[in-house]
Amino acid sequence: MAERINSEGIIKVGDYFESCCFHPCLCIEVDEYGSNIEGISLIDGHIQNCSAVHCGIRKLTIDEAIEWKKRGPQEIEGQQVENPWW
């Protein structure tokens, strides 16, 4: 199960995470505090910018990132999602 992140320093460069747009991403940059995270979307290649503290992102394993890419985000029942990509 994907790990919900709400504190700084947990996501590092090379980790996979789910952006606030529910895209599985590969982390490519983290600020010096570990708060602002930049990643490349595995869905469309766009750069995703998220906050570890404010966005409610989830850290993913490589297997979860692949599953999200194929079938959409998992375990989001009951959440309102505008313009889902999946």
PDB file of N, CA and C in Angstrom:
ATOM      1  N   MET A   1       0.838  -1.179   0.000  1.00  0.00           N
ATOM      2  CA  MET A   1       0.000   0.000   0.000  1.00  0.00           C
ATOM      3  C   MET A   1       0.885   1.246   0.000  1.00  0.00           C
ATOM      4  N   ALA A   2       0.545   2.215  -0.828  1.00  0.00           N
ATOM      5  CA  ALA A   2       1.325   3.446  -0.950  1.00  0.00           C
ATOM      6  C   ALA A   2       1.337   4.199   0.377  1.00  0.00           C
ATOM      7  N   GLU A   3       2.486   4.792   0.690  1.00  0.00           N
ATOM      8  CA  GLU A   3       2.677   5.502   1.956  1.00  0.00           C
ATOM      9  C   GLU A   3       2.354   6.985   1.788  1.00  0.00           C
ATOM     10  N   ARG A   4       1.350   7.490   2.520  1.00  0.00           N
ATOM     11  CA  ARG A   4       0.990   8.915   2.492  1.00  0.00           C
ATOM     12  C   ARG A   4       2.112   9.724   3.126  1.00  0.00           C
ATOM     13  N   ILE A   5       2.511  10.811   2.462  1.00  0.00           N
ATOM     14  CA  ILE A   5       3.603  11.672   2.928  1.00  0.00           C
ATOM     15  C   ILE A   5       3.017  13.006   3.391  1.00  0.00           C
ATOM     16  N   ASN A   6       3.384  13.429   4.582  1.00  0.00           N
ATOM     17  CA  ASN A   6       2.960  14.743   5.055  1.00  0.00           C
ATOM     18  C   ASN A   6       4.049  15.437   5.858  1.00  0.00           C
ATOM     19  N   SER A   7       5.290  15.010   5.629  1.00  0.00           N
ATOM     20  CA  SER A   7       6.407  15.681   6.283  1.00  0.00           C
ATOM     21  C   SER A   7       7.598  15.749   5.332  1.00  0.00           C
ATOM     22  N   GLU A   8       8.505  16.618   5.654  1.00  0.00           N
ATOM     23  CA  GLU A   8       9.672  16.869   4.804  1.00  0.00           C
ATOM     24  C   GLU A   8      10.695  15.743   4.908  1.00  0.00           C
ATOM     25  N   GLY A   9      11.489  15.593   3.859  1.00  0.00           N
ATOM     26  CA  GLY A   9      12.660  14.728   3.889  1.00  0.00           C
ATOM     27  C   GLY A   9      12.412  13.251   3.631  1.00  0.00           C
ATOM     28  N   ILE A  10      11.189  12.853   3.314  1.00  0.00           N
ATOM     29  CA  ILE A  10      10.900  11.434   3.108  1.00  0.00           C
ATOM     30  C   ILE A  10      11.134  11.021   1.656  1.00  0.00           C
ATOM     31  N   ILE A  11      10.757  11.888   0.713  1.00  0.00           N
ATOM     32  CA  ILE A  11      10.980  11.600  -0.713  1.00  0.00           C
ATOM     33  C   ILE A  11      12.348  12.147  -1.101  1.00  0.00           C
ATOM     34  N   LYS A  12      13.114  11.314  -1.793  1.00  0.00           N
ATOM     35  CA  LYS A  12      14.453  11.700  -2.237  1.00  0.00           C
ATOM     36  C   LYS A  12      14.555  11.483  -3.752  1.00  0.00           C
ATOM     37  N   VAL A  13      15.548  12.102  -4.354  1.00  0.00           N
ATOM     38  CA  VAL A  13      15.789  11.930  -5.789  1.00  0.00           C
ATOM     39  C   VAL A  13      15.924  10.434  -6.089  1.00  0.00           C
ATOM     40  N   GLY A  14      15.211   9.992  -7.115  1.00  0.00           N
ATOM     41  CA  GLY A  14      15.223   8.582  -7.497  1.00  0.00           C
ATOM     42  C   GLY A  14      14.038   7.799  -6.966  1.00  0.00           C
ATOM     43  N   ASP A  15      13.314   8.363  -5.986  1.00  0.00           N
ATOM     44  CA  ASP A  15      12.115   7.710  -5.462  1.00  0.00           C
ATOM     45  C   ASP A  15      10.944   7.922  -6.415  1.00  0.00           C
ATOM     46  N   TYR A  16       9.934   7.095  -6.269  1.00  0.00           N
ATOM     47  CA  TYR A  16       8.693   7.252  -7.020  1.00  0.00           C
ATOM     48  C   TYR A  16       7.628   7.792  -6.075  1.00  0.00           C
ATOM     49  N   PHE A  17       6.765   8.651  -6.608  1.00  0.00           N
ATOM     50  CA  PHE A  17       5.680   9.199  -5.799  1.00  0.00           C
ATOM     51  C   PHE A  17       4.474   9.481  -6.670  1.00  0.00           C
ATOM     52  N   GLU A  18       3.336   9.629  -6.024  1.00  0.00           N
ATOM     53  CA  GLU A  18       2.102  10.004  -6.707  1.00  0.00           C
ATOM     54  C   GLU A  18       1.914  11.502  -6.506  1.00  0.00           C
ATOM     55  N   SER A  19       1.836  12.253  -7.600  1.00  0.00           N
ATOM     56  CA  SER A  19       1.675  13.704  -7.518  1.00  0.00           C
ATOM     57  C   SER A  19       0.259  14.067  -7.094  1.00  0.00           C
ATOM     58  N   CYS A  20       0.027  15.344  -6.846  1.00  0.00           N
ATOM     59  CA  CYS A  20      -1.325  15.798  -6.482  1.00  0.00           C
ATOM     60  C   CYS A  20      -2.309  15.610  -7.633  1.00  0.00           C
ATOM     61  N   CYS A  21      -1.825  15.387  -8.845  1.00  0.00           N
ATOM     62  CA  CYS A  21      -2.687  15.092 -10.000  1.00  0.00           C
ATOM     63  C   CYS A  21      -2.855  13.584 -10.195  1.00  0.00           C
ATOM     64  N   PHE A  22      -2.417  12.807  -9.210  1.00  0.00           N
ATOM     65  CA  PHE A  22      -2.510  11.345  -9.225  1.00  0.00           C
ATOM     66  C   PHE A  22      -1.650  10.698 -10.299  1.00  0.00           C
ATOM     67  N   HIS A  23      -0.593  11.395 -10.744  1.00  0.00           N
ATOM     68  CA  HIS A  23       0.343  10.814 -11.709  1.00  0.00           C
ATOM     69  C   HIS A  23       1.449  10.098 -10.944  1.00  0.00           C
ATOM     70  N   PRO A  24       1.821   8.890 -11.350  1.00  0.00           N
ATOM     71  CA  PRO A  24       3.031   8.295 -10.789  1.00  0.00           C
ATOM     72  C   PRO A  24       4.225   9.050 -11.377  1.00  0.00           C
ATOM     73  N   CYS A  25       5.161   9.424 -10.528  1.00  0.00           N
ATOM     74  CA  CYS A  25       6.294  10.249 -10.963  1.00  0.00           C
ATOM     75  C   CYS A  25       7.608   9.703 -10.428  1.00  0.00           C
ATOM     76  N   LEU A  26       8.681  10.005 -11.157  1.00  0.00           N
ATOM     77  CA  LEU A  26      10.037   9.743 -10.709  1.00  0.00           C
ATOM     78  C   LEU A  26      10.586  11.063 -10.180  1.00  0.00           C
ATOM     79  N   CYS A  27      11.018  11.079  -8.927  1.00  0.00           N
ATOM     80  CA  CYS A  27      11.547  12.305  -8.317  1.00  0.00           C
ATOM     81  C   CYS A  27      12.893  12.656  -8.941  1.00  0.00           C
ATOM     82  N   ILE A  28      13.006  13.912  -9.422  1.00  0.00           N
ATOM     83  CA  ILE A  28      14.260  14.364 -10.035  1.00  0.00           C
ATOM     84  C   ILE A  28      14.923  15.490  -9.257  1.00  0.00           C
ATOM     85  N   GLU A  29      14.185  16.114  -8.331  1.00  0.00           N
ATOM     86  CA  GLU A  29      14.772  17.198  -7.541  1.00  0.00           C
ATOM     87  C   GLU A  29      13.975  17.409  -6.264  1.00  0.00           C
ATOM     88  N   VAL A  30      14.699  17.678  -5.185  1.00  0.00           N
ATOM     89  CA  VAL A  30      14.093  17.996  -3.892  1.00  0.00           C
ATOM     90  C   VAL A  30      14.840  19.199  -3.343  1.00  0.00           C
ATOM     91  N   ASP A  31      14.112  20.171  -2.792  1.00  0.00           N
ATOM     92  CA  ASP A  31      14.804  21.338  -2.242  1.00  0.00           C
ATOM     93  C   ASP A  31      15.600  20.963  -0.994  1.00  0.00           C
ATOM     94  N   GLU A  32      16.382  21.887  -0.486  1.00  0.00           N
ATOM     95  CA  GLU A  32      17.290  21.605   0.630  1.00  0.00           C
ATOM     96  C   GLU A  32      16.563  21.192   1.906  1.00  0.00           C
ATOM     97  N   TYR A  33      15.281  21.492   2.026  1.00  0.00           N
ATOM     98  CA  TYR A  33      14.508  21.137   3.221  1.00  0.00           C
ATOM     99  C   TYR A  33      13.750  19.819   3.042  1.00  0.00           C
ATOM    100  N   GLY A  34      13.716  19.304   1.822  1.00  0.00           N
ATOM    101  CA  GLY A  34      12.975  18.084   1.541  1.00  0.00           C
ATOM    102  C   GLY A  34      11.485  18.311   1.424  1.00  0.00           C
ATOM    103  N   SER A  35      11.098  19.562   1.194  1.00  0.00           N
ATOM    104  CA  SER A  35       9.682  19.927   1.156  1.00  0.00           C
ATOM    105  C   SER A  35       9.128  20.014  -0.262  1.00  0.00           C
ATOM    106  N   ASN A  36       9.791  20.777  -1.118  1.00  0.00           N
ATOM    107  CA  ASN A  36       9.329  20.944  -2.493  1.00  0.00           C
ATOM    108  C   ASN A  36       9.948  19.869  -3.376  1.00  0.00           C
ATOM    109  N   ILE A  37       9.080  19.127  -4.045  1.00  0.00           N
ATOM    110  CA  ILE A  37       9.495  17.954  -4.802  1.00  0.00           C
ATOM    111  C   ILE A  37       9.141  18.155  -6.266  1.00  0.00           C
ATOM    112  N   GLU A  38      10.078  17.809  -7.137  1.00  0.00           N
ATOM    113  CA  GLU A  38       9.855  17.871  -8.577  1.00  0.00           C
ATOM    114  C   GLU A  38      10.024  16.472  -9.142  1.00  0.00           C
ATOM    115  N   GLY A  39       9.110  16.093 -10.019  1.00  0.00           N
ATOM    116  CA  GLY A  39       9.199  14.765 -10.603  1.00  0.00           C
ATOM    117  C   GLY A  39       8.731  14.764 -12.043  1.00  0.00           C
ATOM    118  N   ILE A  40       9.118  13.727 -12.770  1.00  0.00           N
ATOM    119  CA  ILE A  40       8.679  13.532 -14.147  1.00  0.00           C
ATOM    120  C   ILE A  40       7.516  12.551 -14.116  1.00  0.00           C
ATOM    121  N   SER A  41       6.395  12.970 -14.683  1.00  0.00           N
ATOM    122  CA  SER A  41       5.222  12.109 -14.751  1.00  0.00           C
ATOM    123  C   SER A  41       5.488  10.913 -15.645  1.00  0.00           C
ATOM    124  N   LEU A  42       5.160   9.724 -15.154  1.00  0.00           N
ATOM    125  CA  LEU A  42       5.279   8.523 -15.973  1.00  0.00           C
ATOM    126  C   LEU A  42       4.101   8.395 -16.933  1.00  0.00           C
ATOM    127  N   ILE A  43       3.115   9.282 -16.811  1.00  0.00           N
ATOM    128  CA  ILE A  43       1.944   9.263 -17.684  1.00  0.00           C
ATOM    129  C   ILE A  43       2.193  10.072 -18.947  1.00  0.00           C
ATOM    130  N   ASP A  44       2.618  11.337 -18.789  1.00  0.00           N
ATOM    131  CA  ASP A  44       2.751  12.195 -19.972  1.00  0.00           C
ATOM    132  C   ASP A  44       4.088  12.921 -20.074  1.00  0.00           C
ATOM    133  N   GLY A  45       5.016  12.652 -19.171  1.00  0.00           N
ATOM    134  CA  GLY A  45       6.351  13.243 -19.239  1.00  0.00           C
ATOM    135  C   GLY A  45       6.469  14.662 -18.734  1.00  0.00           C
ATOM    136  N   HIS A  46       5.368  15.255 -18.283  1.00  0.00           N
ATOM    137  CA  HIS A  46       5.430  16.619 -17.762  1.00  0.00           C
ATOM    138  C   HIS A  46       6.097  16.646 -16.384  1.00  0.00           C
ATOM    139  N   ILE A  47       6.662  17.804 -16.067  1.00  0.00           N
ATOM    140  CA  ILE A  47       7.240  18.007 -14.741  1.00  0.00           C
ATOM    141  C   ILE A  47       6.104  18.310 -13.770  1.00  0.00           C
ATOM    142  N   GLN A  48       6.087  17.602 -12.651  1.00  0.00           N
ATOM    143  CA  GLN A  48       5.099  17.795 -11.600  1.00  0.00           C
ATOM    144  C   GLN A  48       5.813  18.409 -10.394  1.00  0.00           C
ATOM    145  N   ASN A  49       5.252  19.473  -9.845  1.00  0.00           N
ATOM    146  CA  ASN A  49       5.798  20.119  -8.654  1.00  0.00           C
ATOM    147  C   ASN A  49       4.818  19.920  -7.516  1.00  0.00           C
ATOM    148  N   CYS A  50       5.293  19.387  -6.409  1.00  0.00           N
ATOM    149  CA  CYS A  50       4.429  19.115  -5.268  1.00  0.00           C
ATOM    150  C   CYS A  50       5.136  19.499  -3.974  1.00  0.00           C
ATOM    151  N   SER A  51       4.347  19.665  -2.941  1.00  0.00           N
ATOM    152  CA  SER A  51       4.861  19.916  -1.601  1.00  0.00           C
ATOM    153  C   SER A  51       4.663  18.667  -0.759  1.00  0.00           C
ATOM    154  N   ALA A  52       5.710  18.234  -0.095  1.00  0.00           N
ATOM    155  CA  ALA A  52       5.602  17.072   0.784  1.00  0.00           C
ATOM    156  C   ALA A  52       4.661  17.352   1.946  1.00  0.00           C
ATOM    157  N   VAL A  53       4.539  18.603   2.332  1.00  0.00           N
ATOM    158  CA  VAL A  53       3.736  18.969   3.495  1.00  0.00           C
ATOM    159  C   VAL A  53       2.293  19.285   3.118  1.00  0.00           C
ATOM    160  N   HIS A  54       2.056  19.940   1.991  1.00  0.00           N
ATOM    161  CA  HIS A  54       0.730  20.464   1.677  1.00  0.00           C
ATOM    162  C   HIS A  54      -0.068  19.676   0.632  1.00  0.00           C
ATOM    163  N   CYS A  55       0.561  18.822  -0.153  1.00  0.00           N
ATOM    164  CA  CYS A  55      -0.143  18.177  -1.267  1.00  0.00           C
ATOM    165  C   CYS A  55      -0.754  16.819  -0.934  1.00  0.00           C
ATOM    166  N   GLY A  56      -0.337  16.187   0.119  1.00  0.00           N
ATOM    167  CA  GLY A  56      -0.866  14.867   0.430  1.00  0.00           C
ATOM    168  C   GLY A  56      -0.435  13.799  -0.550  1.00  0.00           C
ATOM    169  N   ILE A  57       0.803  13.894  -1.021  1.00  0.00           N
ATOM    170  CA  ILE A  57       1.308  12.921  -1.993  1.00  0.00           C
ATOM    171  C   ILE A  57       1.576  11.579  -1.316  1.00  0.00           C
ATOM    172  N   ARG A  58       1.763  10.555  -2.134  1.00  0.00           N
ATOM    173  CA  ARG A  58       2.086   9.235  -1.608  1.00  0.00           C
ATOM    174  C   ARG A  58       3.382   8.729  -2.229  1.00  0.00           C
ATOM    175  N   LYS A  59       4.227   8.142  -1.396  1.00  0.00           N
ATOM    176  CA  LYS A  59       5.453   7.511  -1.878  1.00  0.00           C
ATOM    177  C   LYS A  59       5.076   6.150  -2.443  1.00  0.00           C
ATOM    178  N   LEU A  60       5.622   5.824  -3.617  1.00  0.00           N
ATOM    179  CA  LEU A  60       5.306   4.572  -4.303  1.00  0.00           C
ATOM    180  C   LEU A  60       6.540   3.694  -4.442  1.00  0.00           C
ATOM    181  N   THR A  61       6.319   2.407  -4.499  1.00  0.00           N
ATOM    182  CA  THR A  61       7.379   1.486  -4.886  1.00  0.00           C
ATOM    183  C   THR A  61       7.418   1.484  -6.413  1.00  0.00           C
ATOM    184  N   ILE A  62       8.430   0.885  -7.007  1.00  0.00           N
ATOM    185  CA  ILE A  62       8.490   0.793  -8.464  1.00  0.00           C
ATOM    186  C   ILE A  62       7.298  -0.023  -8.976  1.00  0.00           C
ATOM    187  N   ASP A  63       6.925  -1.079  -8.271  1.00  0.00           N
ATOM    188  CA  ASP A  63       5.777  -1.892  -8.693  1.00  0.00           C
ATOM    189  C   ASP A  63       4.477  -1.096  -8.647  1.00  0.00           C
ATOM    190  N   GLU A  64       4.305  -0.281  -7.605  1.00  0.00           N
ATOM    191  CA  GLU A  64       3.110   0.562  -7.520  1.00  0.00           C
ATOM    192  C   GLU A  64       3.099   1.599  -8.633  1.00  0.00           C
ATOM    193  N   ALA A  65       4.243   2.213  -8.915  1.00  0.00           N
ATOM    194  CA  ALA A  65       4.317   3.217  -9.985  1.00  0.00           C
ATOM    195  C   ALA A  65       3.916   2.605 -11.327  1.00  0.00           C
ATOM    196  N   ILE A  66       4.355   1.391 -11.599  1.00  0.00           N
ATOM    197  CA  ILE A  66       3.994   0.712 -12.847  1.00  0.00           C
ATOM    198  C   ILE A  66       2.496   0.401 -12.865  1.00  0.00           C
ATOM    199  N   GLU A  67       1.966  -0.069 -11.750  1.00  0.00           N
ATOM    200  CA  GLU A  67       0.531  -0.373 -11.657  1.00  0.00           C
ATOM    201  C   GLU A  67      -0.304   0.888 -11.857  1.00  0.00           C
ATOM    202  N   TRP A  68       0.098   2.008 -11.236  1.00  0.00           N
ATOM    203  CA  TRP A  68      -0.607   3.290 -11.393  1.00  0.00           C
ATOM    204  C   TRP A  68      -0.604   3.680 -12.872  1.00  0.00           C
ATOM    205  N   LYS A  69       0.538   3.525 -13.542  1.00  0.00           N
ATOM    206  CA  LYS A  69       0.637   3.903 -14.958  1.00  0.00           C
ATOM    207  C   LYS A  69      -0.314   3.068 -15.816  1.00  0.00           C
ATOM    208  N   LYS A  70      -0.407   1.785 -15.531  1.00  0.00           N
ATOM    209  CA  LYS A  70      -1.248   0.893 -16.332  1.00  0.00           C
ATOM    210  C   LYS A  70      -2.738   1.045 -16.035  1.00  0.00           C
ATOM    211  N   ARG A  71      -3.092   1.187 -14.757  1.00  0.00           N
ATOM    212  CA  ARG A  71      -4.501   1.098 -14.356  1.00  0.00           C
ATOM    213  C   ARG A  71      -5.041   2.309 -13.621  1.00  0.00           C
ATOM    214  N   GLY A  72      -4.224   3.337 -13.440  1.00  0.00           N
ATOM    215  CA  GLY A  72      -4.669   4.500 -12.674  1.00  0.00           C
ATOM    216  C   GLY A  72      -4.349   4.329 -11.199  1.00  0.00           C
ATOM    217  N   PRO A  73      -4.514   5.388 -10.436  1.00  0.00           N
ATOM    218  CA  PRO A  73      -4.170   5.340  -9.015  1.00  0.00           C
ATOM    219  C   PRO A  73      -5.054   4.349  -8.264  1.00  0.00           C
ATOM    220  N   GLN A  74      -4.481   3.727  -7.274  1.00  0.00           N
ATOM    221  CA  GLN A  74      -5.188   2.737  -6.469  1.00  0.00           C
ATOM    222  C   GLN A  74      -5.552   3.335  -5.109  1.00  0.00           C
ATOM    223  N   GLU A  75      -6.586   2.793  -4.509  1.00  0.00           N
ATOM    224  CA  GLU A  75      -6.995   3.161  -3.148  1.00  0.00           C
ATOM    225  C   GLU A  75      -7.364   4.634  -3.022  1.00  0.00           C
ATOM    226  N   ILE A  76      -8.206   5.137  -3.940  1.00  0.00           N
ATOM    227  CA  ILE A  76      -8.644   6.534  -3.843  1.00  0.00           C
ATOM    228  C   ILE A  76     -10.159   6.641  -3.721  1.00  0.00           C
ATOM    229  N   GLU A  77     -10.819   5.563  -3.340  1.00  0.00           N
ATOM    230  CA  GLU A  77     -12.268   5.569  -3.224  1.00  0.00           C
ATOM    231  C   GLU A  77     -12.718   6.736  -2.347  1.00  0.00           C
ATOM    232  N   GLY A  78     -13.767   7.395  -2.785  1.00  0.00           N
ATOM    233  CA  GLY A  78     -14.349   8.489  -2.014  1.00  0.00           C
ATOM    234  C   GLY A  78     -13.705   9.846  -2.215  1.00  0.00           C
ATOM    235  N   GLN A  79     -12.624   9.941  -2.981  1.00  0.00           N
ATOM    236  CA  GLN A  79     -11.967  11.221  -3.230  1.00  0.00           C
ATOM    237  C   GLN A  79     -12.521  11.848  -4.498  1.00  0.00           C
ATOM    238  N   GLN A  80     -12.728  13.144  -4.457  1.00  0.00           N
ATOM    239  CA  GLN A  80     -13.170  13.887  -5.629  1.00  0.00           C
ATOM    240  C   GLN A  80     -11.962  14.136  -6.526  1.00  0.00           C
ATOM    241  N   VAL A  81     -12.074  13.767  -7.802  1.00  0.00           N
ATOM    242  CA  VAL A  81     -10.967  13.935  -8.738  1.00  0.00           C
ATOM    243  C   VAL A  81     -11.486  14.660  -9.968  1.00  0.00           C
ATOM    244  N   GLU A  82     -10.920  15.846 -10.253  1.00  0.00           N
ATOM    245  CA  GLU A  82     -11.285  16.582 -11.460  1.00  0.00           C
ATOM    246  C   GLU A  82     -10.450  16.083 -12.629  1.00  0.00           C
ATOM    247  N   ASN A  83     -11.101  15.839 -13.755  1.00  0.00           N
ATOM    248  CA  ASN A  83     -10.430  15.425 -14.990  1.00  0.00           C
ATOM    249  C   ASN A  83      -9.464  14.265 -14.791  1.00  0.00           C
ATOM    250  N   PRO A  84      -9.958  13.112 -14.344  1.00  0.00           N
ATOM    251  CA  PRO A  84      -9.054  11.979 -14.181  1.00  0.00           C
ATOM    252  C   PRO A  84      -8.424  11.565 -15.502  1.00  0.00           C
ATOM    253  N   TRP A  85      -7.160  11.227 -15.485  1.00  0.00           N
ATOM    254  CA  TRP A  85      -6.439  10.834 -16.709  1.00  0.00           C
ATOM    255  C   TRP A  85      -6.615   9.348 -17.010  1.00  0.00           C
ATOM    256  N   TRP A  86      -7.069   8.575 -16.069  1.00  0.00           N
ATOM    257  CA  TRP A  86      -7.161   7.128 -16.238  1.00  0.00           C
ATOM    258  C   TRP A  86      -8.479   6.668 -16.762  1.00  0.00           C
TER     259      TRP A  86
END
